[in-house]
Structure formats: C-alpha cells, structure tokens
Amino acid sequence: MNIEAIMRLAPVVPVIVVDDVEHAVPLAQALVAGGLTALEVTLRTPAALEAIAAMKQVPGAVVGAGTVTNPSELDAALKAGAEFIVSPGLTEPLAKACISNDAAFLPGTANAGDIMRGMDLGLSHFKFFPAMAAGGLPALKALAAPFGGAKFCPTGGINLQNAPDWLGFDPVLCVGGSWVAPRGAIDPVMVTALANEAAALTS
C-alpha cells in the first residue's frame, strides 16, 4: 500500500508506545476491532521492533514504525515487518533510504522549507508535527496554502475534541493520536470503544 492509501484507512492513526511486547497483540486486536487498522508503533522503547512483528500477525492490522530518524532505524523497522514509516522530521538521508526501499513514508514537517525539501524528493504526504505546539490548525492552513498537492496527518496534541476541526480541513487525510492507545496493559473493551469513537470521525 502507498502512504495515501494507508492514511485513508481510518481518520485516526493510533500513536502507540509499547513497553512490554505482551501488551502489543491485545492492543492491536482491540484497535482493529474498533475500526482503526493503521497502527503506528513508535521506536521509543526496546520492545518496539518486537511489538511491530507481533502486531503484524493480527488480521486487518497495517502496522508501521514511528519515530524513525535515520536509515539504520529504517532498516530495523523494515526487517521487523513495518508496512509504513513515520518520522518526526525530514532529512535527505532518511527520505532517500525510504524511497530506495519503496517504503510508504510519512516525514514530519513544521515549516515551508521542510515541505519544499520533501517535494524536491518527490514526496507529497507529510506529518504536521508537533501539530498544536507548531501553531495548531491556523498554522497548517497557512502552511498548506502554497502547496496545493500536499496532504497531511497532524500529530501532537490531537484529541477526540479537536480532531474534527483538523479533519474538516481538506488537505488533512487523517490525524495521529495517542488517546486511543493507552500505554501498558489495557482493557480491550475500553480501547475498542475509544477506537469506535475515533473511527466514526469523518474527514
């Protein structure tokens, strides 16, 4: 799947931190049951790569790696089975490595220079990060205006209350959010309910 198809799977991409691989599959199952199928596992813990490999076994889950910052982390994520790659920023070495690996890549951007660098490399889909700290929806509207073909997934400070505002902006295909994926052991019924609520949001 290309990055646009993945971004269009559901309005919310859960941003997941896994400390114990035993928590990975129950969380993925609960999220998928609630209608959220694109799952971003951040490479912030030692369990992350093993969690990606485990979650890949969950029917319906499309599992990606987040917080990928360099080509060596990219290689490790792809070896673990990551189906898409999310980065907090955009560097030429990482972008070129993603392109050469034909990886579905969502680089982080927070200014026009980032987007221009990405477009020079043939990219058109970006994470707007950190969304709220970088100026919120007014900032993204101003930033997106000169770049008609660019599509975005705002992440950072997004919640159930403000997600509809972001999703109402045409260049936004989805949002990233951690509120649907609590850290640690989970109550599957609660997580599925959170996912259902998030999946019902419309862009």
N, C-alpha and C. Protein backbone atom coordinates (compact mmCIF):
# COMPACT_ATOMS: atom_id res chain seq x y z
N MET A 1 0.84 -1.20 0.00
CA MET A 1 0.00 0.00 0.00
C MET A 1 0.87 1.24 0.00
N ASN A 2 0.43 2.25 -0.77
CA ASN A 2 1.18 3.51 -0.71
C ASN A 2 0.70 4.33 0.50
N ILE A 3 1.40 5.41 0.78
CA ILE A 3 1.14 6.15 2.01
C ILE A 3 -0.25 6.78 1.99
N GLU A 4 -0.74 7.22 0.83
CA GLU A 4 -2.08 7.81 0.81
C GLU A 4 -3.13 6.76 1.14
N ALA A 5 -3.01 5.57 0.59
CA ALA A 5 -3.98 4.51 0.90
C ALA A 5 -3.99 4.20 2.39
N ILE A 6 -2.82 4.18 3.00
CA ILE A 6 -2.72 3.91 4.44
C ILE A 6 -3.36 5.04 5.23
N MET A 7 -3.10 6.31 4.82
CA MET A 7 -3.67 7.46 5.52
C MET A 7 -5.19 7.48 5.41
N ARG A 8 -5.73 6.86 4.37
CA ARG A 8 -7.18 6.87 4.17
C ARG A 8 -7.89 5.65 4.79
N LEU A 9 -7.14 4.78 5.46
CA LEU A 9 -7.76 3.60 6.07
C LEU A 9 -8.73 3.99 7.18
N ALA A 10 -8.40 5.01 7.95
CA ALA A 10 -9.24 5.46 9.06
C ALA A 10 -8.88 6.90 9.38
N PRO A 11 -9.79 7.65 10.00
CA PRO A 11 -9.49 9.06 10.28
C PRO A 11 -8.42 9.26 11.35
N VAL A 12 -8.18 8.24 12.18
CA VAL A 12 -7.19 8.37 13.25
C VAL A 12 -6.18 7.23 13.15
N VAL A 13 -4.90 7.59 13.19
CA VAL A 13 -3.81 6.61 13.28
C VAL A 13 -3.34 6.59 14.73
N PRO A 14 -3.57 5.49 15.46
CA PRO A 14 -3.10 5.43 16.84
C PRO A 14 -1.57 5.53 16.90
N VAL A 15 -1.08 6.38 17.79
CA VAL A 15 0.36 6.50 18.03
C VAL A 15 0.64 5.70 19.30
N ILE A 16 1.38 4.61 19.13
CA ILE A 16 1.47 3.57 20.16
C ILE A 16 2.88 3.49 20.74
N VAL A 17 2.94 3.43 22.08
CA VAL A 17 4.21 3.18 22.78
C VAL A 17 4.06 1.86 23.52
N VAL A 18 4.89 0.89 23.18
CA VAL A 18 4.81 -0.45 23.80
C VAL A 18 6.05 -0.67 24.67
N ASP A 19 5.81 -0.86 25.97
CA ASP A 19 6.92 -1.15 26.90
C ASP A 19 7.13 -2.64 27.07
N ASP A 20 6.07 -3.42 26.91
CA ASP A 20 6.12 -4.87 27.11
C ASP A 20 5.44 -5.52 25.91
N VAL A 21 6.16 -6.36 25.20
CA VAL A 21 5.62 -6.95 23.97
C VAL A 21 4.34 -7.74 24.23
N GLU A 22 4.15 -8.19 25.45
CA GLU A 22 2.92 -8.93 25.78
C GLU A 22 1.67 -8.05 25.63
N HIS A 23 1.85 -6.74 25.70
CA HIS A 23 0.70 -5.83 25.55
C HIS A 23 0.36 -5.56 24.09
N ALA A 24 1.26 -5.93 23.18
CA ALA A 24 1.14 -5.48 21.79
C ALA A 24 -0.07 -6.08 21.07
N VAL A 25 -0.20 -7.39 21.10
CA VAL A 25 -1.27 -8.04 20.34
C VAL A 25 -2.66 -7.69 20.88
N PRO A 26 -2.89 -7.74 22.22
CA PRO A 26 -4.22 -7.34 22.71
C PRO A 26 -4.59 -5.91 22.31
N LEU A 27 -3.61 -5.00 22.32
CA LEU A 27 -3.88 -3.62 21.93
C LEU A 27 -4.25 -3.55 20.44
N ALA A 28 -3.46 -4.21 19.61
CA ALA A 28 -3.75 -4.21 18.17
C ALA A 28 -5.11 -4.81 17.88
N GLN A 29 -5.43 -5.91 18.54
CA GLN A 29 -6.73 -6.56 18.32
C GLN A 29 -7.88 -5.63 18.71
N ALA A 30 -7.73 -4.93 19.83
CA ALA A 30 -8.79 -4.03 20.30
C ALA A 30 -8.96 -2.84 19.36
N LEU A 31 -7.85 -2.30 18.87
CA LEU A 31 -7.93 -1.16 17.95
C LEU A 31 -8.55 -1.56 16.62
N VAL A 32 -8.13 -2.69 16.09
CA VAL A 32 -8.68 -3.16 14.81
C VAL A 32 -10.17 -3.48 14.96
N ALA A 33 -10.54 -4.08 16.09
CA ALA A 33 -11.95 -4.39 16.34
C ALA A 33 -12.80 -3.12 16.35
N GLY A 34 -12.19 -2.01 16.76
CA GLY A 34 -12.90 -0.73 16.80
C GLY A 34 -12.84 0.05 15.50
N GLY A 35 -12.15 -0.50 14.49
CA GLY A 35 -12.14 0.16 13.19
C GLY A 35 -10.89 0.96 12.86
N LEU A 36 -9.89 0.93 13.75
CA LEU A 36 -8.63 1.63 13.46
C LEU A 36 -7.60 0.58 13.05
N THR A 37 -7.23 0.58 11.78
CA THR A 37 -6.38 -0.51 11.27
C THR A 37 -4.94 -0.09 10.97
N ALA A 38 -4.68 1.20 10.76
CA ALA A 38 -3.31 1.66 10.55
C ALA A 38 -2.73 2.02 11.91
N LEU A 39 -1.73 1.27 12.34
CA LEU A 39 -1.19 1.40 13.70
C LEU A 39 0.27 1.82 13.64
N GLU A 40 0.59 2.93 14.28
CA GLU A 40 1.97 3.43 14.31
C GLU A 40 2.61 3.08 15.65
N VAL A 41 3.59 2.19 15.62
CA VAL A 41 4.33 1.82 16.83
C VAL A 41 5.61 2.64 16.86
N THR A 42 5.75 3.49 17.86
CA THR A 42 6.92 4.37 17.92
C THR A 42 8.14 3.60 18.41
N LEU A 43 9.29 3.91 17.81
CA LEU A 43 10.54 3.24 18.20
C LEU A 43 11.15 3.94 19.41
N ARG A 44 10.36 4.06 20.47
CA ARG A 44 10.82 4.78 21.66
C ARG A 44 11.17 3.84 22.80
N THR A 45 10.93 2.55 22.61
CA THR A 45 11.20 1.59 23.67
C THR A 45 11.93 0.37 23.09
N PRO A 46 12.63 -0.38 23.94
CA PRO A 46 13.32 -1.58 23.45
C PRO A 46 12.37 -2.63 22.90
N ALA A 47 11.09 -2.58 23.29
CA ALA A 47 10.13 -3.60 22.85
C ALA A 47 9.50 -3.27 21.50
N ALA A 48 9.79 -2.10 20.94
CA ALA A 48 9.04 -1.61 19.77
C ALA A 48 9.15 -2.54 18.56
N LEU A 49 10.35 -2.95 18.20
CA LEU A 49 10.52 -3.77 16.99
C LEU A 49 9.83 -5.12 17.14
N GLU A 50 9.95 -5.71 18.32
CA GLU A 50 9.29 -6.99 18.57
C GLU A 50 7.76 -6.80 18.54
N ALA A 51 7.31 -5.65 19.03
CA ALA A 51 5.87 -5.36 19.04
C ALA A 51 5.34 -5.23 17.61
N ILE A 52 6.11 -4.60 16.73
CA ILE A 52 5.70 -4.49 15.32
C ILE A 52 5.53 -5.88 14.71
N ALA A 53 6.51 -6.73 14.92
CA ALA A 53 6.45 -8.09 14.37
C ALA A 53 5.24 -8.85 14.92
N ALA A 54 4.94 -8.67 16.21
CA ALA A 54 3.80 -9.37 16.83
C ALA A 54 2.48 -8.83 16.31
N MET A 55 2.35 -7.50 16.22
CA MET A 55 1.09 -6.89 15.77
C MET A 55 0.78 -7.22 14.32
N LYS A 56 1.82 -7.46 13.54
CA LYS A 56 1.63 -7.82 12.12
C LYS A 56 0.81 -9.08 11.95
N GLN A 57 0.78 -9.92 12.98
CA GLN A 57 0.03 -11.18 12.90
C GLN A 57 -1.46 -10.98 13.15
N VAL A 58 -1.85 -9.78 13.58
CA VAL A 58 -3.26 -9.52 13.87
C VAL A 58 -4.01 -9.27 12.56
N PRO A 59 -5.02 -10.06 12.24
CA PRO A 59 -5.75 -9.87 10.97
C PRO A 59 -6.32 -8.45 10.87
N GLY A 60 -6.08 -7.83 9.73
CA GLY A 60 -6.61 -6.49 9.48
C GLY A 60 -5.69 -5.36 9.88
N ALA A 61 -4.66 -5.65 10.66
CA ALA A 61 -3.76 -4.59 11.12
C ALA A 61 -2.73 -4.24 10.04
N VAL A 62 -2.54 -2.94 9.82
CA VAL A 62 -1.47 -2.43 8.95
C VAL A 62 -0.53 -1.70 9.89
N VAL A 63 0.62 -2.30 10.15
CA VAL A 63 1.49 -1.84 11.23
C VAL A 63 2.68 -1.07 10.68
N GLY A 64 2.89 0.13 11.19
CA GLY A 64 4.01 0.96 10.79
C GLY A 64 4.92 1.28 11.96
N ALA A 65 6.07 1.84 11.65
CA ALA A 65 7.03 2.26 12.67
C ALA A 65 7.07 3.77 12.72
N GLY A 66 6.99 4.32 13.91
CA GLY A 66 7.12 5.76 14.09
C GLY A 66 8.41 6.11 14.80
N THR A 67 8.71 7.39 14.86
CA THR A 67 9.95 7.90 15.46
C THR A 67 11.17 7.27 14.79
N VAL A 68 11.08 7.07 13.47
CA VAL A 68 12.22 6.59 12.69
C VAL A 68 13.03 7.81 12.29
N THR A 69 14.30 7.86 12.68
CA THR A 69 15.09 9.09 12.49
C THR A 69 16.30 8.93 11.58
N ASN A 70 16.64 7.70 11.18
CA ASN A 70 17.82 7.53 10.34
C ASN A 70 17.72 6.22 9.56
N PRO A 71 18.58 6.01 8.56
CA PRO A 71 18.48 4.80 7.73
C PRO A 71 18.67 3.50 8.49
N SER A 72 19.47 3.49 9.55
CA SER A 72 19.65 2.23 10.29
C SER A 72 18.38 1.86 11.04
N GLU A 73 17.68 2.85 11.60
CA GLU A 73 16.40 2.56 12.24
C GLU A 73 15.37 2.11 11.19
N LEU A 74 15.44 2.71 10.02
CA LEU A 74 14.56 2.29 8.92
C LEU A 74 14.78 0.82 8.60
N ASP A 75 16.03 0.42 8.46
CA ASP A 75 16.35 -0.98 8.14
C ASP A 75 15.78 -1.92 9.20
N ALA A 76 15.97 -1.55 10.47
CA ALA A 76 15.47 -2.40 11.56
C ALA A 76 13.94 -2.49 11.52
N ALA A 77 13.29 -1.36 11.24
CA ALA A 77 11.82 -1.34 11.20
C ALA A 77 11.30 -2.20 10.05
N LEU A 78 11.95 -2.09 8.89
CA LEU A 78 11.51 -2.89 7.73
C LEU A 78 11.74 -4.38 7.98
N LYS A 79 12.85 -4.71 8.62
CA LYS A 79 13.12 -6.11 8.94
C LYS A 79 12.08 -6.66 9.92
N ALA A 80 11.57 -5.80 10.81
CA ALA A 80 10.54 -6.23 11.76
C ALA A 80 9.17 -6.36 11.09
N GLY A 81 9.07 -5.86 9.85
CA GLY A 81 7.82 -6.01 9.11
C GLY A 81 6.99 -4.74 8.99
N ALA A 82 7.55 -3.58 9.35
CA ALA A 82 6.79 -2.33 9.28
C ALA A 82 6.31 -2.08 7.85
N GLU A 83 5.03 -1.74 7.71
CA GLU A 83 4.43 -1.51 6.40
C GLU A 83 4.39 -0.04 6.02
N PHE A 84 4.67 0.82 6.97
CA PHE A 84 4.85 2.24 6.66
C PHE A 84 5.79 2.84 7.70
N ILE A 85 6.37 3.98 7.35
CA ILE A 85 7.41 4.60 8.16
C ILE A 85 7.01 6.04 8.45
N VAL A 86 7.05 6.40 9.72
CA VAL A 86 6.74 7.77 10.14
C VAL A 86 7.96 8.34 10.86
N SER A 87 8.31 9.59 10.51
CA SER A 87 9.46 10.24 11.11
C SER A 87 9.04 11.57 11.74
N PRO A 88 9.70 11.98 12.82
CA PRO A 88 9.36 13.29 13.40
C PRO A 88 9.82 14.47 12.54
N GLY A 89 10.75 14.20 11.62
CA GLY A 89 11.27 15.27 10.76
C GLY A 89 11.60 14.73 9.39
N LEU A 90 12.23 15.58 8.58
CA LEU A 90 12.57 15.17 7.22
C LEU A 90 14.05 15.45 6.98
N THR A 91 14.82 14.37 6.77
CA THR A 91 16.21 14.53 6.37
C THR A 91 16.40 13.84 5.03
N GLU A 92 17.34 14.34 4.26
CA GLU A 92 17.58 13.75 2.94
C GLU A 92 18.06 12.30 3.03
N PRO A 93 18.98 11.94 3.95
CA PRO A 93 19.41 10.54 4.01
C PRO A 93 18.25 9.58 4.30
N LEU A 94 17.38 9.94 5.24
CA LEU A 94 16.26 9.05 5.57
C LEU A 94 15.26 9.00 4.42
N ALA A 95 14.94 10.15 3.84
CA ALA A 95 13.99 10.18 2.73
C ALA A 95 14.49 9.34 1.56
N LYS A 96 15.77 9.50 1.22
CA LYS A 96 16.32 8.74 0.08
C LYS A 96 16.34 7.24 0.38
N ALA A 97 16.61 6.88 1.63
CA ALA A 97 16.60 5.47 2.01
C ALA A 97 15.19 4.89 1.92
N CYS A 98 14.19 5.67 2.34
CA CYS A 98 12.79 5.21 2.23
C CYS A 98 12.40 5.03 0.76
N ILE A 99 12.79 5.99 -0.06
CA ILE A 99 12.45 5.93 -1.48
C ILE A 99 13.12 4.72 -2.14
N SER A 100 14.40 4.49 -1.81
CA SER A 100 15.11 3.37 -2.44
C SER A 100 14.56 2.03 -1.97
N ASN A 101 13.97 1.99 -0.77
CA ASN A 101 13.35 0.76 -0.26
C ASN A 101 11.87 0.67 -0.65
N ASP A 102 11.38 1.66 -1.40
CA ASP A 102 9.98 1.71 -1.79
C ASP A 102 9.06 1.65 -0.56
N ALA A 103 9.49 2.32 0.52
CA ALA A 103 8.72 2.32 1.76
C ALA A 103 7.67 3.42 1.73
N ALA A 104 6.48 3.13 2.23
CA ALA A 104 5.44 4.15 2.41
C ALA A 104 5.91 5.06 3.53
N PHE A 105 6.19 6.32 3.22
CA PHE A 105 6.93 7.21 4.13
C PHE A 105 6.13 8.45 4.43
N LEU A 106 6.02 8.77 5.72
CA LEU A 106 5.33 9.97 6.18
C LEU A 106 6.31 10.78 7.04
N PRO A 107 7.04 11.72 6.43
CA PRO A 107 8.01 12.50 7.19
C PRO A 107 7.35 13.67 7.92
N GLY A 108 7.92 14.01 9.06
CA GLY A 108 7.42 15.15 9.82
C GLY A 108 7.86 16.47 9.21
N THR A 109 6.94 17.44 9.20
CA THR A 109 7.23 18.78 8.70
C THR A 109 6.59 19.79 9.64
N ALA A 110 7.23 20.94 9.78
CA ALA A 110 6.65 22.01 10.61
C ALA A 110 6.80 23.37 9.96
N ASN A 111 7.39 23.41 8.75
CA ASN A 111 7.58 24.70 8.08
C ASN A 111 7.65 24.49 6.56
N ALA A 112 7.64 25.59 5.84
CA ALA A 112 7.61 25.51 4.37
C ALA A 112 8.87 24.87 3.81
N GLY A 113 10.02 25.14 4.44
CA GLY A 113 11.27 24.55 3.97
C GLY A 113 11.24 23.03 3.99
N ASP A 114 10.66 22.47 5.07
CA ASP A 114 10.53 21.01 5.16
C ASP A 114 9.72 20.47 3.99
N ILE A 115 8.58 21.11 3.73
CA ILE A 115 7.69 20.63 2.66
C ILE A 115 8.37 20.76 1.31
N MET A 116 9.07 21.87 1.09
CA MET A 116 9.78 22.06 -0.19
C MET A 116 10.87 21.01 -0.38
N ARG A 117 11.60 20.70 0.69
CA ARG A 117 12.63 19.65 0.60
C ARG A 117 11.99 18.31 0.26
N GLY A 118 10.86 18.02 0.91
CA GLY A 118 10.16 16.77 0.62
C GLY A 118 9.68 16.72 -0.81
N MET A 119 9.10 17.80 -1.29
CA MET A 119 8.60 17.82 -2.66
C MET A 119 9.73 17.70 -3.67
N ASP A 120 10.88 18.28 -3.37
CA ASP A 120 12.05 18.13 -4.24
C ASP A 120 12.45 16.66 -4.39
N LEU A 121 12.15 15.87 -3.35
CA LEU A 121 12.48 14.44 -3.36
C LEU A 121 11.33 13.58 -3.90
N GLY A 122 10.25 14.25 -4.30
CA GLY A 122 9.12 13.52 -4.87
C GLY A 122 8.05 13.13 -3.86
N LEU A 123 8.13 13.67 -2.65
CA LEU A 123 7.15 13.34 -1.61
C LEU A 123 6.01 14.36 -1.62
N SER A 124 4.82 13.91 -1.24
CA SER A 124 3.68 14.84 -1.20
C SER A 124 2.80 14.64 0.03
N HIS A 125 3.13 13.65 0.87
CA HIS A 125 2.35 13.36 2.06
C HIS A 125 3.24 13.54 3.29
N PHE A 126 2.75 14.30 4.26
CA PHE A 126 3.58 14.73 5.37
C PHE A 126 2.83 14.63 6.70
N LYS A 127 3.59 14.38 7.76
CA LYS A 127 3.07 14.55 9.11
C LYS A 127 3.29 16.01 9.49
N PHE A 128 2.29 16.67 10.04
CA PHE A 128 2.48 18.03 10.58
C PHE A 128 2.71 17.85 12.07
N PHE A 129 3.94 18.11 12.50
CA PHE A 129 4.35 17.78 13.87
C PHE A 129 5.34 18.79 14.41
N PRO A 130 5.22 19.17 15.70
CA PRO A 130 4.13 18.85 16.64
C PRO A 130 2.94 19.79 16.39
N ALA A 131 1.81 19.22 16.06
CA ALA A 131 0.70 19.98 15.48
C ALA A 131 0.26 21.17 16.34
N MET A 132 -0.05 20.94 17.59
CA MET A 132 -0.54 22.03 18.43
C MET A 132 0.59 23.00 18.80
N ALA A 133 1.74 22.46 19.15
CA ALA A 133 2.86 23.31 19.54
C ALA A 133 3.39 24.14 18.37
N ALA A 134 3.18 23.64 17.14
CA ALA A 134 3.66 24.36 15.94
C ALA A 134 2.65 25.39 15.44
N GLY A 135 1.59 25.64 16.21
CA GLY A 135 0.66 26.70 15.84
C GLY A 135 -0.75 26.25 15.57
N GLY A 136 -1.00 24.94 15.68
CA GLY A 136 -2.35 24.44 15.52
C GLY A 136 -2.88 24.54 14.09
N LEU A 137 -4.20 24.43 13.98
CA LEU A 137 -4.83 24.42 12.66
C LEU A 137 -4.59 25.71 11.87
N PRO A 138 -4.61 26.90 12.50
CA PRO A 138 -4.32 28.10 11.71
C PRO A 138 -2.94 28.05 11.04
N ALA A 139 -1.95 27.47 11.76
CA ALA A 139 -0.60 27.37 11.18
C ALA A 139 -0.60 26.43 9.98
N LEU A 140 -1.28 25.29 10.11
CA LEU A 140 -1.30 24.35 9.00
C LEU A 140 -2.03 24.94 7.80
N LYS A 141 -3.12 25.65 8.04
CA LYS A 141 -3.85 26.27 6.92
C LYS A 141 -2.95 27.25 6.17
N ALA A 142 -2.19 28.05 6.91
CA ALA A 142 -1.28 29.00 6.27
C ALA A 142 -0.16 28.27 5.54
N LEU A 143 0.35 27.21 6.15
CA LEU A 143 1.47 26.46 5.60
C LEU A 143 1.06 25.69 4.35
N ALA A 144 -0.15 25.12 4.36
CA ALA A 144 -0.59 24.29 3.24
C ALA A 144 -0.96 25.13 2.01
N ALA A 145 -1.30 26.39 2.21
CA ALA A 145 -1.83 27.22 1.12
C ALA A 145 -0.95 27.24 -0.13
N PRO A 146 0.38 27.38 -0.02
CA PRO A 146 1.20 27.42 -1.24
C PRO A 146 1.46 26.05 -1.87
N PHE A 147 1.04 24.99 -1.19
CA PHE A 147 1.40 23.64 -1.65
C PHE A 147 0.12 22.84 -1.93
N GLY A 148 -0.47 23.10 -3.07
CA GLY A 148 -1.78 22.53 -3.39
C GLY A 148 -1.84 21.02 -3.36
N GLY A 149 -0.76 20.34 -3.71
CA GLY A 149 -0.81 18.88 -3.79
C GLY A 149 -0.46 18.18 -2.50
N ALA A 150 -0.07 18.92 -1.48
CA ALA A 150 0.40 18.29 -0.24
C ALA A 150 -0.77 17.82 0.61
N LYS A 151 -0.61 16.65 1.22
CA LYS A 151 -1.60 16.09 2.14
C LYS A 151 -0.92 15.86 3.49
N PHE A 152 -1.72 15.93 4.56
CA PHE A 152 -1.13 15.96 5.90
C PHE A 152 -1.83 15.02 6.89
N CYS A 153 -1.03 14.58 7.86
CA CYS A 153 -1.52 13.88 9.05
C CYS A 153 -1.00 14.65 10.27
N PRO A 154 -1.78 15.58 10.82
CA PRO A 154 -1.33 16.29 12.01
C PRO A 154 -1.21 15.35 13.20
N THR A 155 -0.15 15.51 13.97
CA THR A 155 0.10 14.67 15.14
C THR A 155 0.76 15.54 16.21
N GLY A 156 0.34 15.33 17.45
CA GLY A 156 0.92 16.09 18.57
C GLY A 156 -0.11 17.02 19.17
N GLY A 157 -0.73 16.59 20.25
CA GLY A 157 -1.76 17.40 20.90
C GLY A 157 -3.15 17.21 20.32
N ILE A 158 -3.32 16.20 19.45
CA ILE A 158 -4.64 15.93 18.87
C ILE A 158 -5.42 15.05 19.84
N ASN A 159 -6.71 15.36 19.99
CA ASN A 159 -7.57 14.56 20.85
C ASN A 159 -8.96 14.45 20.22
N LEU A 160 -9.84 13.72 20.89
CA LEU A 160 -11.18 13.49 20.33
C LEU A 160 -11.93 14.81 20.12
N GLN A 161 -11.68 15.78 20.99
CA GLN A 161 -12.40 17.04 20.92
C GLN A 161 -11.95 17.90 19.73
N ASN A 162 -10.63 17.97 19.48
CA ASN A 162 -10.17 18.86 18.39
C ASN A 162 -9.95 18.14 17.06
N ALA A 163 -9.97 16.81 17.07
CA ALA A 163 -9.75 16.07 15.82
C ALA A 163 -10.73 16.46 14.71
N PRO A 164 -12.03 16.65 15.00
CA PRO A 164 -12.95 17.01 13.91
C PRO A 164 -12.57 18.31 13.20
N ASP A 165 -12.01 19.27 13.94
CA ASP A 165 -11.60 20.53 13.30
C ASP A 165 -10.48 20.28 12.29
N TRP A 166 -9.50 19.48 12.71
CA TRP A 166 -8.40 19.14 11.81
C TRP A 166 -8.90 18.36 10.60
N LEU A 167 -9.76 17.38 10.84
CA LEU A 167 -10.25 16.53 9.76
C LEU A 167 -11.16 17.28 8.80
N GLY A 168 -11.69 18.41 9.25
CA GLY A 168 -12.53 19.23 8.39
C GLY A 168 -11.75 20.05 7.38
N PHE A 169 -10.42 20.08 7.52
CA PHE A 169 -9.56 20.82 6.59
C PHE A 169 -9.16 19.87 5.46
N ASP A 170 -9.47 20.24 4.24
CA ASP A 170 -9.37 19.32 3.10
C ASP A 170 -8.02 18.62 2.93
N PRO A 171 -6.88 19.30 3.08
CA PRO A 171 -5.61 18.60 2.89
C PRO A 171 -5.27 17.58 3.98
N VAL A 172 -6.06 17.53 5.05
CA VAL A 172 -5.82 16.57 6.14
C VAL A 172 -6.56 15.27 5.84
N LEU A 173 -5.81 14.19 5.66
CA LEU A 173 -6.40 12.88 5.36
C LEU A 173 -6.69 12.09 6.62
N CYS A 174 -5.91 12.34 7.68
CA CYS A 174 -6.10 11.64 8.95
C CYS A 174 -5.33 12.41 10.01
N VAL A 175 -5.52 12.03 11.26
CA VAL A 175 -4.73 12.61 12.34
C VAL A 175 -4.06 11.49 13.12
N GLY A 176 -2.96 11.80 13.77
CA GLY A 176 -2.30 10.84 14.65
C GLY A 176 -2.68 11.16 16.08
N GLY A 177 -2.98 10.12 16.86
CA GLY A 177 -3.37 10.38 18.24
C GLY A 177 -3.02 9.24 19.17
N SER A 178 -2.58 9.60 20.38
CA SER A 178 -2.23 8.58 21.37
C SER A 178 -3.39 8.30 22.32
N TRP A 179 -4.43 9.13 22.28
CA TRP A 179 -5.51 8.95 23.26
C TRP A 179 -6.25 7.63 23.09
N VAL A 180 -6.19 7.05 21.88
CA VAL A 180 -6.90 5.78 21.64
C VAL A 180 -6.07 4.57 22.03
N ALA A 181 -4.80 4.77 22.37
CA ALA A 181 -3.90 3.64 22.64
C ALA A 181 -3.16 3.85 23.96
N PRO A 182 -3.83 3.57 25.07
CA PRO A 182 -3.18 3.77 26.37
C PRO A 182 -1.92 2.92 26.51
N ARG A 183 -0.97 3.46 27.24
CA ARG A 183 0.29 2.75 27.46
C ARG A 183 0.10 1.69 28.55
N GLY A 184 0.73 0.54 28.38
CA GLY A 184 0.66 -0.51 29.39
C GLY A 184 -0.44 -1.51 29.11
N ALA A 185 -0.78 -2.29 30.12
CA ALA A 185 -1.85 -3.29 29.98
C ALA A 185 -3.16 -2.55 29.75
N ILE A 186 -4.01 -3.10 28.89
CA ILE A 186 -5.22 -2.38 28.51
C ILE A 186 -6.48 -3.17 28.87
N ASP A 187 -7.58 -2.41 28.93
CA ASP A 187 -8.92 -3.00 28.99
C ASP A 187 -9.41 -3.04 27.54
N PRO A 188 -9.46 -4.24 26.92
CA PRO A 188 -9.81 -4.31 25.50
C PRO A 188 -11.16 -3.67 25.16
N VAL A 189 -12.12 -3.82 26.06
CA VAL A 189 -13.45 -3.26 25.79
C VAL A 189 -13.37 -1.73 25.72
N MET A 190 -12.61 -1.14 26.66
CA MET A 190 -12.45 0.32 26.67
C MET A 190 -11.73 0.81 25.42
N VAL A 191 -10.65 0.11 25.03
CA VAL A 191 -9.88 0.53 23.85
C VAL A 191 -10.71 0.39 22.58
N THR A 192 -11.47 -0.69 22.47
CA THR A 192 -12.33 -0.85 21.30
C THR A 192 -13.38 0.25 21.23
N ALA A 193 -13.90 0.66 22.40
CA ALA A 193 -14.87 1.75 22.44
C ALA A 193 -14.22 3.07 22.00
N LEU A 194 -13.00 3.33 22.48
CA LEU A 194 -12.27 4.53 22.07
C LEU A 194 -12.01 4.51 20.56
N ALA A 195 -11.64 3.35 20.05
CA ALA A 195 -11.36 3.21 18.62
C ALA A 195 -12.62 3.42 17.79
N ASN A 196 -13.74 2.86 18.25
CA ASN A 196 -15.02 3.04 17.56
C ASN A 196 -15.38 4.52 17.45
N GLU A 197 -15.18 5.23 18.56
CA GLU A 197 -15.46 6.67 18.61
C GLU A 197 -14.59 7.43 17.62
N ALA A 198 -13.31 7.05 17.60
CA ALA A 198 -12.36 7.72 16.69
C ALA A 198 -12.64 7.37 15.23
N ALA A 199 -12.99 6.10 14.98
CA ALA A 199 -13.25 5.66 13.59
C ALA A 199 -14.50 6.33 13.02
N ALA A 200 -15.38 6.78 13.91
CA ALA A 200 -16.62 7.42 13.46
C ALA A 200 -16.41 8.88 13.04
N LEU A 201 -15.25 9.43 13.36
CA LEU A 201 -14.94 10.80 12.93
C LEU A 201 -14.83 10.83 11.41
N THR A 202 -15.25 11.91 10.81
CA THR A 202 -15.19 11.97 9.35
C THR A 202 -14.33 13.13 8.90
N SER A 203 -13.64 12.91 7.78
CA SER A 203 -12.80 13.97 7.22
C SER A 203 -13.53 14.64 6.07
